[in-house]
């Protein structure tokens, strides 16, 4: 049986963590701690609920003064490091959760602690509560940290200030106007760490969803500066490329050409069972004496519960078609059940997309698994 992610919080984990707490926290009662962690509602709690619950239980054993607790948390992390506990482990995300829950009103102590803790386990979620509460003051702090000597802290500056960070609260003021975070991204665009540069790209991709012209402007400004900025822009442009934004498509050389022909678009199974794959194939032909850059995609129009369709675009490849070249392509689209998408029985659609333009659309039927 597959293990659920929330089960990282096991009795074994808390037993080992308790050993460190006994070493650092005055008068710590391990038996009481374990009893409070595994209360009657523990099994029903999901991952983030278990993180928050762990924060709440820890608070029973920590000082009421947050600045004193901040000192304890630093000592706990130092002790864990001495035990060679792996840094960046998801299990310790309850420490940032503790900071956002109990340190939100002690700005100076909390901000100092965030800088320390994020070098052990990321505070990208916790820091957003401070941006919400303290606004420009916290964003100024983030900009200062974009020049920190630790890549973990530098990454926090960009990742924590993303307008739409997945699994975290959104930052509506930055969705509307991302200008305050642009200096952070400028500072980090040539960062020596790919880990940091990728965060810059993710932030720019977030920005493009609400302010595409800003990404396009930055793409033109950074164009050709170096390999790192070129890579950032390509990754940052992924949403606009899937949306078929003509400016960004042209930026990468993907022009609309009447000489690009799609042929023999076939669905190999027009009836698809949930849990299986839709199989399809097609040919693409450059009917021209000049090479043409092509971006190949397909769109799935998923049937929704309300009877409407929701389109999701999937990239196949980007390539150059030589003069008069013809290539054959086959693909499968999975309809295996996943937690992030619910499938509805009925009529769905698939389309071919060449350089941002839909060329052909076909229907297929999704049916229930017969087993």
Foldseek 3Di string as FASTA:
>chain_A
DDDDPLCVPDPVVLVVLVVLCVVQQPPDDSVVLSDQLPDPCNVVDDNVRSLQSNLVSVVVRADLDVLRRLVSVLSSLVVCVVVVNQFQDPVPVSVLVNCLVRVLVVVVSSVVSQLRNLRRHNNLQSLLSNCVVVPPVSLVVLLVQCPPPDLSSVLSSLSSPQQCRPPHDGDVVCLQPVVSSVSSLVSCLPPPDPSSNLSSLVSLLSNCVRPVVVLLVVCVVCPPVDPSNPVSSVSNCVVVQQQLPPSVLVVVQQDDDPQKDKADWDWPALEAEQQAKTKIKIKIWRQAQAKGKKWKKKWKFAQDPVRGTDIDIDTDDIDIAHHGDMDMDMDIDHNYDDPVDDHDWFKMKMFIAISSRTDDMDIGTYDYDPD
